[in-house]
Structure formats: C-alpha cells, structure tokens
Amino acid sequence: MSNVTNNEFSVALNNYFQTLGTLTQQLVELVNVVIKTAGSITASIIEPISKAATGLAGNASTTVTKVYQGAAAAVAPKK
C-alpha cells in the first residue's frame, strides 16, 4: 500500500513539474512575442512622431527668432 501511495505521489509530482515547465516555456514565448510586437509598433509610431516633433521644434525656433527680431527692430533707435 505504501508503494502505491509513493508511486502516485511521484507521478503527481512529475506531472506538476511537467506542467510548470510547460507554463514557464509558454510564458517566455509570450513575452518574446510581446517584445517583438512592441518593438515593431514602437518603431512605426516613434518615427512619425519624431519627425513631427523635429519639424515643430524647427518652426518654434523660427517663430521665436522672428519675434526677437521684431522686438529688436521696435526697440532700436530710428535714424
């Protein structure tokens, strides 16, 4: 009777660790897929945003320069 109980426990423990190993492997595969998907999504989103941000920064710089030039022209003594 004791051998049957130990054998059942060994089988149950073996099944437990097989299931745990399978779940761990699937979790690693899932994380890998998420990272790859996030990488492609991030690249496709960040590129247009960075181009737009660069253009916006350039336009803002031009606007600030024109404002300073206008203020300097208004303050400068006239001949």
C-alpha atoms as a PDB file:
ATOM      1  CA  MET A   1       0.000   0.000   0.000  1.00  0.00           C
ATOM      2  CA  SER A   2       2.863   2.341   0.812  1.00  0.00           C
ATOM      3  CA  ASN A   3       4.456   1.735  -2.580  1.00  0.00           C
ATOM      4  CA  VAL A   4       1.235   2.642  -4.354  1.00  0.00           C
ATOM      5  CA  THR A   5       0.989   5.918  -2.432  1.00  0.00           C
ATOM      6  CA  ASN A   6       4.624   6.806  -3.114  1.00  0.00           C
ATOM      7  CA  ASN A   7       4.187   5.896  -6.781  1.00  0.00           C
ATOM      8  CA  GLU A   8       1.065   8.060  -7.065  1.00  0.00           C
ATOM      9  CA  PHE A   9       2.876  10.907  -5.342  1.00  0.00           C
ATOM     10  CA  SER A  10       5.833  10.564  -7.724  1.00  0.00           C
ATOM     11  CA  VAL A  11       3.509  10.593 -10.727  1.00  0.00           C
ATOM     12  CA  ALA A  12       1.641  13.612  -9.387  1.00  0.00           C
ATOM     13  CA  LEU A  13       4.905  15.439  -8.636  1.00  0.00           C
ATOM     14  CA  ASN A  14       6.245  14.582 -12.094  1.00  0.00           C
ATOM     15  CA  ASN A  15       3.040  15.868 -13.714  1.00  0.00           C
ATOM     16  CA  TYR A  16       3.223  19.027 -11.617  1.00  0.00           C
ATOM     17  CA  PHE A  17       6.772  19.814 -12.728  1.00  0.00           C
ATOM     18  CA  GLN A  18       5.976  18.995 -16.362  1.00  0.00           C
ATOM     19  CA  THR A  19       3.026  21.374 -16.224  1.00  0.00           C
ATOM     20  CA  LEU A  20       5.126  24.022 -14.500  1.00  0.00           C
ATOM     21  CA  GLY A  21       7.835  23.653 -17.154  1.00  0.00           C
ATOM     22  CA  THR A  22       5.299  23.918 -19.969  1.00  0.00           C
ATOM     23  CA  LEU A  23       3.717  27.025 -18.447  1.00  0.00           C
ATOM     24  CA  THR A  24       7.124  28.635 -17.958  1.00  0.00           C
ATOM     25  CA  GLN A  25       8.099  27.894 -21.555  1.00  0.00           C
ATOM     26  CA  GLN A  26       4.831  29.349 -22.849  1.00  0.00           C
ATOM     27  CA  LEU A  27       5.281  32.436 -20.678  1.00  0.00           C
ATOM     28  CA  VAL A  28       8.765  33.007 -22.090  1.00  0.00           C
ATOM     29  CA  GLU A  29       7.440  32.597 -25.637  1.00  0.00           C
ATOM     30  CA  LEU A  30       4.598  35.029 -24.896  1.00  0.00           C
ATOM     31  CA  VAL A  31       6.982  37.639 -23.513  1.00  0.00           C
ATOM     32  CA  ASN A  32       9.196  37.183 -26.578  1.00  0.00           C
ATOM     33  CA  VAL A  33       6.247  37.771 -28.927  1.00  0.00           C
ATOM     34  CA  VAL A  34       5.117  40.815 -26.927  1.00  0.00           C
ATOM     35  CA  ILE A  35       8.603  42.326 -27.071  1.00  0.00           C
ATOM     36  CA  LYS A  36       8.857  41.749 -30.830  1.00  0.00           C
ATOM     37  CA  THR A  37       5.380  43.197 -31.414  1.00  0.00           C
ATOM     38  CA  ALA A  38       6.039  46.179 -29.175  1.00  0.00           C
ATOM     39  CA  GLY A  39       9.314  46.799 -30.979  1.00  0.00           C
ATOM     40  CA  SER A  40       7.662  46.928 -34.392  1.00  0.00           C
ATOM     41  CA  ILE A  41       4.762  49.033 -33.114  1.00  0.00           C
ATOM     42  CA  THR A  42       7.108  51.376 -31.295  1.00  0.00           C
ATOM     43  CA  ALA A  43       9.266  51.852 -34.371  1.00  0.00           C
ATOM     44  CA  SER A  44       6.268  52.583 -36.579  1.00  0.00           C
ATOM     45  CA  ILE A  45       4.847  55.059 -34.056  1.00  0.00           C
ATOM     46  CA  ILE A  46       8.013  56.811 -32.899  1.00  0.00           C
ATOM     47  CA  GLU A  47       9.401  57.585 -36.357  1.00  0.00           C
ATOM     48  CA  PRO A  48       6.496  59.824 -37.498  1.00  0.00           C
ATOM     49  CA  ILE A  49       6.245  61.411 -34.052  1.00  0.00           C
ATOM     50  CA  SER A  50       9.948  62.216 -34.012  1.00  0.00           C
ATOM     51  CA  LYS A  51       9.713  63.741 -37.490  1.00  0.00           C
ATOM     52  CA  ALA A  52       6.744  65.843 -36.422  1.00  0.00           C
ATOM     53  CA  ALA A  53       8.494  66.902 -33.216  1.00  0.00           C
ATOM     54  CA  THR A  54      11.597  67.911 -35.161  1.00  0.00           C
ATOM     55  CA  GLY A  55       9.503  69.969 -37.569  1.00  0.00           C
ATOM     56  CA  LEU A  56       7.609  71.563 -34.698  1.00  0.00           C
ATOM     57  CA  ALA A  57      10.843  72.444 -32.902  1.00  0.00           C
ATOM     58  CA  GLY A  58      12.222  73.994 -36.089  1.00  0.00           C
ATOM     59  CA  ASN A  59       9.066  76.049 -36.615  1.00  0.00           C
ATOM     60  CA  ALA A  60       9.071  77.189 -32.987  1.00  0.00           C
ATOM     61  CA  SER A  61      12.698  78.219 -33.274  1.00  0.00           C
ATOM     62  CA  THR A  62      11.956  80.235 -36.422  1.00  0.00           C
ATOM     63  CA  THR A  63       8.971  81.897 -34.749  1.00  0.00           C
ATOM     64  CA  VAL A  64      10.974  82.848 -31.655  1.00  0.00           C
ATOM     65  CA  THR A  65      13.748  84.254 -33.834  1.00  0.00           C
ATOM     66  CA  LYS A  66      11.253  86.385 -35.786  1.00  0.00           C
ATOM     67  CA  VAL A  67       9.676  87.639 -32.538  1.00  0.00           C
ATOM     68  CA  TYR A  68      13.087  88.658 -31.178  1.00  0.00           C
ATOM     69  CA  GLN A  69      13.978  90.344 -34.475  1.00  0.00           C
ATOM     70  CA  GLY A  70      10.671  92.241 -34.425  1.00  0.00           C
ATOM     71  CA  ALA A  71      11.201  93.300 -30.821  1.00  0.00           C
ATOM     72  CA  ALA A  72      14.770  94.376 -31.544  1.00  0.00           C
ATOM     73  CA  ALA A  73      13.617  96.391 -34.567  1.00  0.00           C
ATOM     74  CA  ALA A  74      10.906  98.069 -32.477  1.00  0.00           C
ATOM     75  CA  VAL A  75      13.304  98.991 -29.663  1.00  0.00           C
ATOM     76  CA  ALA A  76      16.223 100.047 -31.867  1.00  0.00           C
ATOM     77  CA  PRO A  77      16.604 103.808 -32.333  1.00  0.00           C
ATOM     78  CA  LYS A  78      15.446 105.036 -35.736  1.00  0.00           C
ATOM     79  CA  LYS A  79      17.659 107.199 -37.864  1.00  0.00           C
END
